Amino acid sequence: MEELLEILQEMHPEVDFELCDTLIDDNILDSFDIVGLISEIRSTFDVKIPAEMIVPENFNSAEAIYSLIESL
């Protein structure tokens, strides 16, 4: 989880990713952020996220993103 939080903090240092659970709903992460994040997840965690799993509920919080990584 710490590695994921570091990646997210590099993208948006002004956001408290440990508490925020509306990253998509509040437009904190946009489509360009998601593309970059998926690339970082692939290189850091050696996990490929299938297109059908790229849905808002999987990216609305750091916890949701990390759960997605663990499930893959």
PDB file of N, CA and C in Angstrom:
ATOM      1  N   MET A   1       0.832  -1.201   0.000  1.00  0.00           N
ATOM      2  CA  MET A   1       0.000   0.000   0.000  1.00  0.00           C
ATOM      3  C   MET A   1       0.872   1.258   0.000  1.00  0.00           C
ATOM      4  N   GLU A   2       2.001   1.218   0.706  1.00  0.00           N
ATOM      5  CA  GLU A   2       2.867   2.403   0.776  1.00  0.00           C
ATOM      6  C   GLU A   2       3.365   2.814  -0.601  1.00  0.00           C
ATOM      7  N   GLU A   3       3.716   1.822  -1.432  1.00  0.00           N
ATOM      8  CA  GLU A   3       4.188   2.140  -2.781  1.00  0.00           C
ATOM      9  C   GLU A   3       3.090   2.815  -3.591  1.00  0.00           C
ATOM     10  N   LEU A   4       1.881   2.332  -3.458  1.00  0.00           N
ATOM     11  CA  LEU A   4       0.752   2.937  -4.162  1.00  0.00           C
ATOM     12  C   LEU A   4       0.525   4.365  -3.690  1.00  0.00           C
ATOM     13  N   LEU A   5       0.564   4.580  -2.398  1.00  0.00           N
ATOM     14  CA  LEU A   5       0.373   5.932  -1.858  1.00  0.00           C
ATOM     15  C   LEU A   5       1.456   6.876  -2.366  1.00  0.00           C
ATOM     16  N   GLU A   6       2.674   6.394  -2.495  1.00  0.00           N
ATOM     17  CA  GLU A   6       3.765   7.226  -3.029  1.00  0.00           C
ATOM     18  C   GLU A   6       3.481   7.615  -4.476  1.00  0.00           C
ATOM     19  N   ILE A   7       3.020   6.665  -5.272  1.00  0.00           N
ATOM     20  CA  ILE A   7       2.686   6.949  -6.672  1.00  0.00           C
ATOM     21  C   ILE A   7       1.589   8.009  -6.743  1.00  0.00           C
ATOM     22  N   LEU A   8       0.542   7.834  -5.940  1.00  0.00           N
ATOM     23  CA  LEU A   8      -0.572   8.781  -5.943  1.00  0.00           C
ATOM     24  C   LEU A   8      -0.133  10.160  -5.457  1.00  0.00           C
ATOM     25  N   GLN A   9       0.715  10.209  -4.435  1.00  0.00           N
ATOM     26  CA  GLN A   9       1.191  11.490  -3.908  1.00  0.00           C
ATOM     27  C   GLN A   9       2.022  12.246  -4.943  1.00  0.00           C
ATOM     28  N   GLU A  10       2.777  11.513  -5.753  1.00  0.00           N
ATOM     29  CA  GLU A  10       3.545  12.163  -6.819  1.00  0.00           C
ATOM     30  C   GLU A  10       2.613  12.810  -7.839  1.00  0.00           C
ATOM     31  N   MET A  11       1.462  12.186  -8.065  1.00  0.00           N
ATOM     32  CA  MET A  11       0.507  12.712  -9.039  1.00  0.00           C
ATOM     33  C   MET A  11      -0.220  13.945  -8.506  1.00  0.00           C
ATOM     34  N   HIS A  12      -0.650  13.876  -7.231  1.00  0.00           N
ATOM     35  CA  HIS A  12      -1.427  14.955  -6.618  1.00  0.00           C
ATOM     36  C   HIS A  12      -1.004  15.115  -5.152  1.00  0.00           C
ATOM     37  N   PRO A  13       0.069  15.845  -4.895  1.00  0.00           N
ATOM     38  CA  PRO A  13       0.562  15.976  -3.513  1.00  0.00           C
ATOM     39  C   PRO A  13      -0.407  16.681  -2.566  1.00  0.00           C
ATOM     40  N   GLU A  14      -1.386  17.381  -3.111  1.00  0.00           N
ATOM     41  CA  GLU A  14      -2.329  18.127  -2.277  1.00  0.00           C
ATOM     42  C   GLU A  14      -3.459  17.265  -1.707  1.00  0.00           C
ATOM     43  N   VAL A  15      -3.551  16.019  -2.124  1.00  0.00           N
ATOM     44  CA  VAL A  15      -4.657  15.139  -1.732  1.00  0.00           C
ATOM     45  C   VAL A  15      -4.212  14.180  -0.627  1.00  0.00           C
ATOM     46  N   ASP A  16      -5.077  13.986   0.365  1.00  0.00           N
ATOM     47  CA  ASP A  16      -4.827  12.986   1.402  1.00  0.00           C
ATOM     48  C   ASP A  16      -5.453  11.672   0.928  1.00  0.00           C
ATOM     49  N   PHE A  17      -4.649  10.860   0.277  1.00  0.00           N
ATOM     50  CA  PHE A  17      -5.148   9.630  -0.336  1.00  0.00           C
ATOM     51  C   PHE A  17      -5.537   8.567   0.680  1.00  0.00           C
ATOM     52  N   GLU A  18      -5.080   8.703   1.911  1.00  0.00           N
ATOM     53  CA  GLU A  18      -5.463   7.733   2.938  1.00  0.00           C
ATOM     54  C   GLU A  18      -6.906   7.940   3.392  1.00  0.00           C
ATOM     55  N   LEU A  19      -7.416   9.156   3.248  1.00  0.00           N
ATOM     56  CA  LEU A  19      -8.778   9.466   3.697  1.00  0.00           C
ATOM     57  C   LEU A  19      -9.780   9.637   2.556  1.00  0.00           C
ATOM     58  N   CYS A  20      -9.307  10.076   1.405  1.00  0.00           N
ATOM     59  CA  CYS A  20     -10.218  10.402   0.300  1.00  0.00           C
ATOM     60  C   CYS A  20     -10.781   9.139  -0.345  1.00  0.00           C
ATOM     61  N   ASP A  21     -12.103   9.094  -0.476  1.00  0.00           N
ATOM     62  CA  ASP A  21     -12.746   7.961  -1.142  1.00  0.00           C
ATOM     63  C   ASP A  21     -13.661   8.429  -2.281  1.00  0.00           C
ATOM     64  N   THR A  22     -13.337   9.594  -2.821  1.00  0.00           N
ATOM     65  CA  THR A  22     -14.109  10.150  -3.937  1.00  0.00           C
ATOM     66  C   THR A  22     -13.168  10.657  -5.044  1.00  0.00           C
ATOM     67  N   LEU A  23     -12.123   9.916  -5.314  1.00  0.00           N
ATOM     68  CA  LEU A  23     -11.121  10.362  -6.281  1.00  0.00           C
ATOM     69  C   LEU A  23     -11.710  10.553  -7.676  1.00  0.00           C
ATOM     70  N   ILE A  24     -12.591   9.672  -8.072  1.00  0.00           N
ATOM     71  CA  ILE A  24     -13.237   9.781  -9.381  1.00  0.00           C
ATOM     72  C   ILE A  24     -14.469  10.678  -9.283  1.00  0.00           C
ATOM     73  N   ASP A  25     -15.279  10.444  -8.262  1.00  0.00           N
ATOM     74  CA  ASP A  25     -16.523  11.210  -8.097  1.00  0.00           C
ATOM     75  C   ASP A  25     -16.279  12.711  -8.029  1.00  0.00           C
ATOM     76  N   ASP A  26     -15.173  13.117  -7.392  1.00  0.00           N
ATOM     77  CA  ASP A  26     -14.856  14.541  -7.251  1.00  0.00           C
ATOM     78  C   ASP A  26     -13.855  15.034  -8.298  1.00  0.00           C
ATOM     79  N   ASN A  27     -13.620  14.220  -9.320  1.00  0.00           N
ATOM     80  CA  ASN A  27     -12.718  14.582 -10.426  1.00  0.00           C
ATOM     81  C   ASN A  27     -11.306  14.909  -9.972  1.00  0.00           C
ATOM     82  N   ILE A  28     -10.856  14.271  -8.906  1.00  0.00           N
ATOM     83  CA  ILE A  28      -9.471  14.447  -8.462  1.00  0.00           C
ATOM     84  C   ILE A  28      -8.545  13.725  -9.441  1.00  0.00           C
ATOM     85  N   LEU A  29      -8.929  12.505  -9.808  1.00  0.00           N
ATOM     86  CA  LEU A  29      -8.201  11.770 -10.838  1.00  0.00           C
ATOM     87  C   LEU A  29      -8.999  11.853 -12.132  1.00  0.00           C
ATOM     88  N   ASP A  30      -8.336  12.298 -13.201  1.00  0.00           N
ATOM     89  CA  ASP A  30      -9.003  12.344 -14.501  1.00  0.00           C
ATOM     90  C   ASP A  30      -8.503  11.188 -15.365  1.00  0.00           C
ATOM     91  N   SER A  31      -8.956  11.137 -16.583  1.00  0.00           N
ATOM     92  CA  SER A  31      -8.607  10.008 -17.450  1.00  0.00           C
ATOM     93  C   SER A  31      -7.107   9.920 -17.698  1.00  0.00           C
ATOM     94  N   PHE A  32      -6.429  11.051 -17.811  1.00  0.00           N
ATOM     95  CA  PHE A  32      -4.981  11.033 -18.009  1.00  0.00           C
ATOM     96  C   PHE A  32      -4.269  10.490 -16.771  1.00  0.00           C
ATOM     97  N   ASP A  33      -4.765  10.863 -15.593  1.00  0.00           N
ATOM     98  CA  ASP A  33      -4.205  10.334 -14.346  1.00  0.00           C
ATOM     99  C   ASP A  33      -4.367   8.817 -14.286  1.00  0.00           C
ATOM    100  N   ILE A  34      -5.528   8.328 -14.688  1.00  0.00           N
ATOM    101  CA  ILE A  34      -5.808   6.895 -14.638  1.00  0.00           C
ATOM    102  C   ILE A  34      -4.862   6.138 -15.570  1.00  0.00           C
ATOM    103  N   VAL A  35      -4.662   6.662 -16.765  1.00  0.00           N
ATOM    104  CA  VAL A  35      -3.741   6.021 -17.715  1.00  0.00           C
ATOM    105  C   VAL A  35      -2.335   5.963 -17.123  1.00  0.00           C
ATOM    106  N   GLY A  36      -1.876   7.070 -16.550  1.00  0.00           N
ATOM    107  CA  GLY A  36      -0.557   7.094 -15.928  1.00  0.00           C
ATOM    108  C   GLY A  36      -0.468   6.162 -14.739  1.00  0.00           C
ATOM    109  N   LEU A  37      -1.523   6.132 -13.948  1.00  0.00           N
ATOM    110  CA  LEU A  37      -1.564   5.279 -12.764  1.00  0.00           C
ATOM    111  C   LEU A  37      -1.514   3.803 -13.153  1.00  0.00           C
ATOM    112  N   ILE A  38      -2.258   3.431 -14.174  1.00  0.00           N
ATOM    113  CA  ILE A  38      -2.258   2.043 -14.640  1.00  0.00           C
ATOM    114  C   ILE A  38      -0.860   1.646 -15.104  1.00  0.00           C
ATOM    115  N   SER A  39      -0.192   2.545 -15.781  1.00  0.00           N
ATOM    116  CA  SER A  39       1.173   2.281 -16.233  1.00  0.00           C
ATOM    117  C   SER A  39       2.122   2.100 -15.042  1.00  0.00           C
ATOM    118  N   GLU A  40       1.997   2.970 -14.049  1.00  0.00           N
ATOM    119  CA  GLU A  40       2.834   2.865 -12.849  1.00  0.00           C
ATOM    120  C   GLU A  40       2.552   1.578 -12.078  1.00  0.00           C
ATOM    121  N   ILE A  41       1.292   1.197 -11.991  1.00  0.00           N
ATOM    122  CA  ILE A  41       0.918  -0.046 -11.298  1.00  0.00           C
ATOM    123  C   ILE A  41       1.536  -1.237 -12.019  1.00  0.00           C
ATOM    124  N   ARG A  42       1.493  -1.194 -13.330  1.00  0.00           N
ATOM    125  CA  ARG A  42       2.064  -2.307 -14.105  1.00  0.00           C
ATOM    126  C   ARG A  42       3.552  -2.437 -13.851  1.00  0.00           C
ATOM    127  N   SER A  43       4.279  -1.318 -13.861  1.00  0.00           N
ATOM    128  CA  SER A  43       5.724  -1.404 -13.668  1.00  0.00           C
ATOM    129  C   SER A  43       6.114  -1.651 -12.216  1.00  0.00           C
ATOM    130  N   THR A  44       5.368  -1.119 -11.266  1.00  0.00           N
ATOM    131  CA  THR A  44       5.712  -1.269  -9.852  1.00  0.00           C
ATOM    132  C   THR A  44       5.282  -2.611  -9.286  1.00  0.00           C
ATOM    133  N   PHE A  45       4.067  -3.026  -9.610  1.00  0.00           N
ATOM    134  CA  PHE A  45       3.494  -4.233  -9.015  1.00  0.00           C
ATOM    135  C   PHE A  45       3.464  -5.434  -9.972  1.00  0.00           C
ATOM    136  N   ASP A  46       3.897  -5.214 -11.230  1.00  0.00           N
ATOM    137  CA  ASP A  46       3.872  -6.265 -12.246  1.00  0.00           C
ATOM    138  C   ASP A  46       2.463  -6.837 -12.397  1.00  0.00           C
ATOM    139  N   VAL A  47       1.487  -5.924 -12.479  1.00  0.00           N
ATOM    140  CA  VAL A  47       0.078  -6.289 -12.593  1.00  0.00           C
ATOM    141  C   VAL A  47      -0.504  -5.563 -13.799  1.00  0.00           C
ATOM    142  N   LYS A  48      -1.167  -6.314 -14.673  1.00  0.00           N
ATOM    143  CA  LYS A  48      -1.854  -5.715 -15.814  1.00  0.00           C
ATOM    144  C   LYS A  48      -3.336  -5.632 -15.484  1.00  0.00           C
ATOM    145  N   ILE A  49      -3.888  -4.437 -15.563  1.00  0.00           N
ATOM    146  CA  ILE A  49      -5.305  -4.231 -15.253  1.00  0.00           C
ATOM    147  C   ILE A  49      -6.108  -4.351 -16.549  1.00  0.00           C
ATOM    148  N   PRO A  50      -6.989  -5.348 -16.628  1.00  0.00           N
ATOM    149  CA  PRO A  50      -7.814  -5.508 -17.827  1.00  0.00           C
ATOM    150  C   PRO A  50      -8.781  -4.332 -18.006  1.00  0.00           C
ATOM    151  N   ALA A  51      -9.099  -4.039 -19.248  1.00  0.00           N
ATOM    152  CA  ALA A  51      -9.964  -2.903 -19.565  1.00  0.00           C
ATOM    153  C   ALA A  51     -11.292  -2.954 -18.823  1.00  0.00           C
ATOM    154  N   GLU A  52     -11.860  -4.149 -18.676  1.00  0.00           N
ATOM    155  CA  GLU A  52     -13.167  -4.250 -18.025  1.00  0.00           C
ATOM    156  C   GLU A  52     -13.112  -3.933 -16.531  1.00  0.00           C
ATOM    157  N   MET A  53     -11.906  -3.867 -15.975  1.00  0.00           N
ATOM    158  CA  MET A  53     -11.767  -3.541 -14.547  1.00  0.00           C
ATOM    159  C   MET A  53     -11.471  -2.053 -14.325  1.00  0.00           C
ATOM    160  N   ILE A  54     -11.360  -1.312 -15.407  1.00  0.00           N
ATOM    161  CA  ILE A  54     -11.113   0.126 -15.310  1.00  0.00           C
ATOM    162  C   ILE A  54     -12.462   0.823 -15.207  1.00  0.00           C
ATOM    163  N   VAL A  55     -13.017   0.762 -14.001  1.00  0.00           N
ATOM    164  CA  VAL A  55     -14.319   1.360 -13.705  1.00  0.00           C
ATOM    165  C   VAL A  55     -14.158   2.258 -12.480  1.00  0.00           C
ATOM    166  N   PRO A  56     -15.017   3.274 -12.355  1.00  0.00           N
ATOM    167  CA  PRO A  56     -14.859   4.242 -11.256  1.00  0.00           C
ATOM    168  C   PRO A  56     -14.737   3.619  -9.868  1.00  0.00           C
ATOM    169  N   GLU A  57     -15.540   2.598  -9.568  1.00  0.00           N
ATOM    170  CA  GLU A  57     -15.495   2.042  -8.214  1.00  0.00           C
ATOM    171  C   GLU A  57     -14.147   1.405  -7.871  1.00  0.00           C
ATOM    172  N   ASN A  58     -13.369   1.015  -8.878  1.00  0.00           N
ATOM    173  CA  ASN A  58     -12.042   0.455  -8.611  1.00  0.00           C
ATOM    174  C   ASN A  58     -10.970   1.522  -8.425  1.00  0.00           C
ATOM    175  N   PHE A  59     -11.304   2.783  -8.712  1.00  0.00           N
ATOM    176  CA  PHE A  59     -10.316   3.855  -8.636  1.00  0.00           C
ATOM    177  C   PHE A  59     -10.769   5.029  -7.771  1.00  0.00           C
ATOM    178  N   ASN A  60     -11.825   4.871  -6.994  1.00  0.00           N
ATOM    179  CA  ASN A  60     -12.358   5.972  -6.203  1.00  0.00           C
ATOM    180  C   ASN A  60     -11.580   6.231  -4.921  1.00  0.00           C
ATOM    181  N   SER A  61     -10.749   5.274  -4.502  1.00  0.00           N
ATOM    182  CA  SER A  61      -9.926   5.468  -3.299  1.00  0.00           C
ATOM    183  C   SER A  61      -8.648   4.654  -3.437  1.00  0.00           C
ATOM    184  N   ALA A  62      -7.641   5.021  -2.667  1.00  0.00           N
ATOM    185  CA  ALA A  62      -6.395   4.253  -2.662  1.00  0.00           C
ATOM    186  C   ALA A  62      -6.670   2.824  -2.216  1.00  0.00           C
ATOM    187  N   GLU A  63      -7.561   2.669  -1.252  1.00  0.00           N
ATOM    188  CA  GLU A  63      -7.910   1.334  -0.756  1.00  0.00           C
ATOM    189  C   GLU A  63      -8.531   0.484  -1.865  1.00  0.00           C
ATOM    190  N   ALA A  64      -9.421   1.077  -2.652  1.00  0.00           N
ATOM    191  CA  ALA A  64     -10.054   0.346  -3.757  1.00  0.00           C
ATOM    192  C   ALA A  64      -9.022  -0.037  -4.814  1.00  0.00           C
ATOM    193  N   ILE A  65      -8.122   0.878  -5.104  1.00  0.00           N
ATOM    194  CA  ILE A  65      -7.071   0.596  -6.088  1.00  0.00           C
ATOM    195  C   ILE A  65      -6.178  -0.536  -5.588  1.00  0.00           C
ATOM    196  N   TYR A  66      -5.820  -0.479  -4.314  1.00  0.00           N
ATOM    197  CA  TYR A  66      -4.955  -1.509  -3.760  1.00  0.00           C
ATOM    198  C   TYR A  66      -5.668  -2.869  -3.721  1.00  0.00           C
ATOM    199  N   SER A  67      -6.939  -2.874  -3.423  1.00  0.00           N
ATOM    200  CA  SER A  67      -7.712  -4.119  -3.450  1.00  0.00           C
ATOM    201  C   SER A  67      -7.721  -4.707  -4.858  1.00  0.00           C
ATOM    202  N   LEU A  68      -7.853  -3.844  -5.853  1.00  0.00           N
ATOM    203  CA  LEU A  68      -7.812  -4.284  -7.251  1.00  0.00           C
ATOM    204  C   LEU A  68      -6.458  -4.929  -7.551  1.00  0.00           C
ATOM    205  N   ILE A  69      -5.389  -4.275  -7.143  1.00  0.00           N
ATOM    206  CA  ILE A  69      -4.033  -4.810  -7.377  1.00  0.00           C
ATOM    207  C   ILE A  69      -3.891  -6.179  -6.710  1.00  0.00           C
ATOM    208  N   GLU A  70      -4.334  -6.280  -5.476  1.00  0.00           N
ATOM    209  CA  GLU A  70      -4.224  -7.556  -4.756  1.00  0.00           C
ATOM    210  C   GLU A  70      -5.040  -8.651  -5.420  1.00  0.00           C
ATOM    211  N   SER A  71      -6.194  -8.310  -5.975  1.00  0.00           N
ATOM    212  CA  SER A  71      -7.045  -9.325  -6.599  1.00  0.00           C
ATOM    213  C   SER A  71      -6.466  -9.847  -7.898  1.00  0.00           C
ATOM    214  N   LEU A  72      -5.582  -9.061  -8.497  1.00  0.00           N
ATOM    215  CA  LEU A  72      -4.983  -9.473  -9.765  1.00  0.00           C
ATOM    216  C   LEU A  72      -3.654 -10.142  -9.523  1.00  0.00           C
TER     217      LEU A  72
END
